[in-house]
Amino acid sequence: MRNKSEKFIELANKRVNRAIDDIRLIGNLSNRNNYEYSPEQVSKIFQELQSELTQAKVRFTETKRSGKQVFMLDGPKRS
């Protein structure tokens, strides 16, 4: 049976690599030949990503957990 540290490392590697891949896919949205977007939309995307990163970082030092948010360009929705 794996210990908690080994499980953390395994899951962290998988999840961080998946997040990196998804961030790269978000970067692909910058192609103006395929997509049309406003500076406000881009700003909202990166504000939301930064907010989630900040919240994830805080969770490593705090025990409180806030409600999960689902990102929508017209505003985050609580689930």
N, C-alpha and C. Protein backbone atom coordinates (compact mmCIF):
# COMPACT_ATOMS: atom_id res chain seq x y z
N MET A 1 0.84 -1.19 0.00
CA MET A 1 0.00 0.00 0.00
C MET A 1 0.89 1.25 0.00
N ARG A 2 0.51 2.21 -0.82
CA ARG A 2 1.29 3.45 -0.89
C ARG A 2 1.04 4.30 0.34
N ASN A 3 2.07 5.06 0.70
CA ASN A 3 1.86 5.99 1.80
C ASN A 3 1.32 7.32 1.26
N LYS A 4 0.93 8.19 2.15
CA LYS A 4 0.30 9.46 1.75
C LYS A 4 1.23 10.34 0.92
N SER A 5 2.51 10.32 1.22
CA SER A 5 3.47 11.13 0.47
C SER A 5 3.59 10.65 -0.97
N GLU A 6 3.66 9.35 -1.16
CA GLU A 6 3.75 8.80 -2.52
C GLU A 6 2.49 9.11 -3.31
N LYS A 7 1.35 8.99 -2.67
CA LYS A 7 0.08 9.30 -3.34
C LYS A 7 0.02 10.77 -3.72
N PHE A 8 0.45 11.66 -2.82
CA PHE A 8 0.49 13.10 -3.11
C PHE A 8 1.35 13.37 -4.33
N ILE A 9 2.55 12.80 -4.36
CA ILE A 9 3.47 13.03 -5.47
C ILE A 9 2.88 12.53 -6.78
N GLU A 10 2.29 11.35 -6.76
CA GLU A 10 1.70 10.79 -7.98
C GLU A 10 0.57 11.68 -8.50
N LEU A 11 -0.34 12.06 -7.62
CA LEU A 11 -1.47 12.89 -8.04
C LEU A 11 -1.04 14.30 -8.42
N ALA A 12 -0.08 14.86 -7.68
CA ALA A 12 0.41 16.21 -8.01
C ALA A 12 1.03 16.22 -9.40
N ASN A 13 1.84 15.23 -9.71
CA ASN A 13 2.45 15.16 -11.04
C ASN A 13 1.39 15.10 -12.13
N LYS A 14 0.40 14.23 -11.96
CA LYS A 14 -0.65 14.11 -12.97
C LYS A 14 -1.45 15.39 -13.11
N ARG A 15 -1.86 15.96 -11.98
CA ARG A 15 -2.75 17.13 -12.03
C ARG A 15 -2.04 18.38 -12.51
N VAL A 16 -0.81 18.57 -12.09
CA VAL A 16 -0.06 19.76 -12.54
C VAL A 16 0.21 19.67 -14.03
N ASN A 17 0.59 18.49 -14.51
CA ASN A 17 0.83 18.34 -15.95
C ASN A 17 -0.44 18.53 -16.76
N ARG A 18 -1.58 18.05 -16.23
CA ARG A 18 -2.86 18.26 -16.91
C ARG A 18 -3.21 19.75 -16.93
N ALA A 19 -2.97 20.45 -15.82
CA ALA A 19 -3.25 21.89 -15.75
C ALA A 19 -2.36 22.66 -16.74
N ILE A 20 -1.09 22.28 -16.83
CA ILE A 20 -0.17 22.93 -17.77
C ILE A 20 -0.67 22.73 -19.20
N ASP A 21 -1.08 21.50 -19.53
CA ASP A 21 -1.61 21.24 -20.87
C ASP A 21 -2.84 22.10 -21.15
N ASP A 22 -3.73 22.22 -20.17
CA ASP A 22 -4.93 23.03 -20.37
C ASP A 22 -4.60 24.51 -20.51
N ILE A 23 -3.61 24.98 -19.77
CA ILE A 23 -3.19 26.38 -19.90
C ILE A 23 -2.63 26.64 -21.30
N ARG A 24 -1.89 25.68 -21.81
CA ARG A 24 -1.38 25.81 -23.19
C ARG A 24 -2.52 25.87 -24.19
N LEU A 25 -3.57 25.09 -23.95
CA LEU A 25 -4.73 25.14 -24.83
C LEU A 25 -5.43 26.49 -24.75
N ILE A 26 -5.49 27.07 -23.56
CA ILE A 26 -6.04 28.42 -23.43
C ILE A 26 -5.21 29.40 -24.25
N GLY A 27 -3.89 29.24 -24.20
CA GLY A 27 -3.01 30.09 -25.00
C GLY A 27 -3.31 29.98 -26.49
N ASN A 28 -3.74 28.80 -26.94
CA ASN A 28 -4.08 28.63 -28.36
C ASN A 28 -5.27 29.50 -28.77
N LEU A 29 -6.09 29.91 -27.81
CA LEU A 29 -7.22 30.78 -28.11
C LEU A 29 -6.78 32.17 -28.58
N SER A 30 -5.50 32.49 -28.41
CA SER A 30 -5.00 33.80 -28.82
C SER A 30 -4.89 33.95 -30.33
N ASN A 31 -5.05 32.88 -31.07
CA ASN A 31 -4.92 32.91 -32.53
C ASN A 31 -6.08 33.68 -33.15
N ARG A 32 -5.79 34.89 -33.59
CA ARG A 32 -6.82 35.78 -34.17
C ARG A 32 -7.35 35.27 -35.51
N ASN A 33 -6.64 34.35 -36.15
CA ASN A 33 -7.16 33.76 -37.39
C ASN A 33 -8.34 32.84 -37.12
N ASN A 34 -8.42 32.30 -35.91
CA ASN A 34 -9.48 31.36 -35.57
C ASN A 34 -10.51 31.91 -34.60
N TYR A 35 -10.16 32.93 -33.83
CA TYR A 35 -11.04 33.41 -32.77
C TYR A 35 -11.10 34.93 -32.74
N GLU A 36 -12.21 35.43 -32.23
CA GLU A 36 -12.39 36.86 -32.03
C GLU A 36 -12.71 37.07 -30.55
N TYR A 37 -12.03 38.00 -29.93
CA TYR A 37 -12.23 38.23 -28.50
C TYR A 37 -11.84 39.66 -28.16
N SER A 38 -12.35 40.12 -27.03
CA SER A 38 -12.06 41.48 -26.58
C SER A 38 -10.98 41.45 -25.50
N PRO A 39 -10.31 42.57 -25.29
CA PRO A 39 -9.34 42.65 -24.20
C PRO A 39 -9.99 42.38 -22.84
N GLU A 40 -11.26 42.77 -22.71
CA GLU A 40 -11.97 42.53 -21.46
C GLU A 40 -12.17 41.04 -21.20
N GLN A 41 -12.47 40.28 -22.26
CA GLN A 41 -12.63 38.83 -22.11
C GLN A 41 -11.31 38.17 -21.70
N VAL A 42 -10.24 38.61 -22.34
CA VAL A 42 -8.92 38.07 -22.01
C VAL A 42 -8.57 38.39 -20.56
N SER A 43 -8.82 39.61 -20.16
CA SER A 43 -8.54 40.02 -18.79
C SER A 43 -9.34 39.18 -17.80
N LYS A 44 -10.60 38.94 -18.10
CA LYS A 44 -11.44 38.17 -17.20
C LYS A 44 -10.94 36.73 -17.07
N ILE A 45 -10.52 36.15 -18.18
CA ILE A 45 -9.97 34.78 -18.15
C ILE A 45 -8.77 34.72 -17.22
N PHE A 46 -7.83 35.65 -17.39
CA PHE A 46 -6.60 35.59 -16.58
C PHE A 46 -6.82 36.01 -15.14
N GLN A 47 -7.78 36.88 -14.89
CA GLN A 47 -8.13 37.20 -13.50
C GLN A 47 -8.68 35.97 -12.80
N GLU A 48 -9.54 35.23 -13.49
CA GLU A 48 -10.13 34.03 -12.89
C GLU A 48 -9.08 32.95 -12.65
N LEU A 49 -8.19 32.76 -13.61
CA LEU A 49 -7.11 31.78 -13.43
C LEU A 49 -6.23 32.16 -12.25
N GLN A 50 -5.87 33.44 -12.16
CA GLN A 50 -5.04 33.90 -11.06
C GLN A 50 -5.74 33.73 -9.73
N SER A 51 -7.03 34.02 -9.70
CA SER A 51 -7.81 33.87 -8.48
C SER A 51 -7.81 32.41 -8.01
N GLU A 52 -8.00 31.48 -8.93
CA GLU A 52 -8.01 30.06 -8.57
C GLU A 52 -6.63 29.59 -8.11
N LEU A 53 -5.58 30.09 -8.75
CA LEU A 53 -4.22 29.75 -8.29
C LEU A 53 -3.98 30.26 -6.88
N THR A 54 -4.41 31.48 -6.63
CA THR A 54 -4.25 32.06 -5.29
C THR A 54 -5.02 31.26 -4.26
N GLN A 55 -6.25 30.89 -4.58
CA GLN A 55 -7.06 30.10 -3.66
C GLN A 55 -6.44 28.73 -3.41
N ALA A 56 -5.90 28.11 -4.44
CA ALA A 56 -5.25 26.81 -4.27
C ALA A 56 -4.04 26.93 -3.35
N LYS A 57 -3.28 27.99 -3.53
CA LYS A 57 -2.10 28.23 -2.68
C LYS A 57 -2.50 28.40 -1.22
N VAL A 58 -3.58 29.15 -1.01
CA VAL A 58 -4.06 29.39 0.35
C VAL A 58 -4.49 28.09 1.01
N ARG A 59 -5.08 27.19 0.25
CA ARG A 59 -5.56 25.93 0.81
C ARG A 59 -4.43 25.09 1.39
N PHE A 60 -3.21 25.31 0.96
CA PHE A 60 -2.07 24.59 1.53
C PHE A 60 -1.67 25.13 2.89
N THR A 61 -2.17 26.31 3.24
CA THR A 61 -1.83 26.89 4.54
C THR A 61 -3.03 27.06 5.45
N GLU A 62 -4.24 26.94 4.91
CA GLU A 62 -5.46 27.08 5.71
C GLU A 62 -6.27 25.81 5.65
N THR A 63 -7.17 25.64 6.61
CA THR A 63 -8.03 24.47 6.62
C THR A 63 -9.43 24.76 6.10
N LYS A 64 -9.80 26.05 5.98
CA LYS A 64 -11.13 26.42 5.47
C LYS A 64 -11.18 26.16 3.96
N ARG A 65 -12.36 25.78 3.50
CA ARG A 65 -12.56 25.57 2.07
C ARG A 65 -13.77 26.39 1.62
N SER A 66 -13.61 27.08 0.51
CA SER A 66 -14.73 27.86 -0.02
C SER A 66 -15.46 27.04 -1.07
N GLY A 67 -16.64 27.53 -1.50
CA GLY A 67 -17.41 26.84 -2.51
C GLY A 67 -16.69 26.81 -3.85
N LYS A 68 -16.87 25.75 -4.57
CA LYS A 68 -16.27 25.60 -5.89
C LYS A 68 -16.97 26.54 -6.87
N GLN A 69 -16.19 27.18 -7.73
CA GLN A 69 -16.75 28.06 -8.74
C GLN A 69 -16.54 27.45 -10.12
N VAL A 70 -17.51 27.69 -10.99
CA VAL A 70 -17.41 27.26 -12.37
C VAL A 70 -17.22 28.53 -13.19
N PHE A 71 -16.17 28.60 -14.00
CA PHE A 71 -15.88 29.80 -14.78
C PHE A 71 -16.83 29.93 -15.96
N MET A 72 -17.37 31.13 -16.13
CA MET A 72 -18.17 31.49 -17.30
C MET A 72 -17.76 32.92 -17.66
N LEU A 73 -17.61 33.21 -18.94
CA LEU A 73 -17.22 34.57 -19.34
C LEU A 73 -18.23 35.60 -18.87
N ASP A 74 -19.47 35.21 -18.67
CA ASP A 74 -20.46 36.17 -18.17
C ASP A 74 -20.51 36.16 -16.65
N GLY A 75 -19.56 35.50 -15.98
CA GLY A 75 -19.46 35.55 -14.53
C GLY A 75 -19.35 34.17 -13.92
N PRO A 76 -18.58 34.04 -12.82
CA PRO A 76 -18.45 32.73 -12.18
C PRO A 76 -19.76 32.33 -11.51
N LYS A 77 -20.06 31.06 -11.55
CA LYS A 77 -21.27 30.52 -10.95
C LYS A 77 -20.87 29.56 -9.84
N ARG A 78 -21.50 29.66 -8.70
CA ARG A 78 -21.25 28.72 -7.59
C ARG A 78 -21.94 27.41 -7.90
N SER A 79 -21.26 26.32 -7.59
CA SER A 79 -21.90 25.01 -7.76
C SER A 79 -21.99 24.30 -6.44
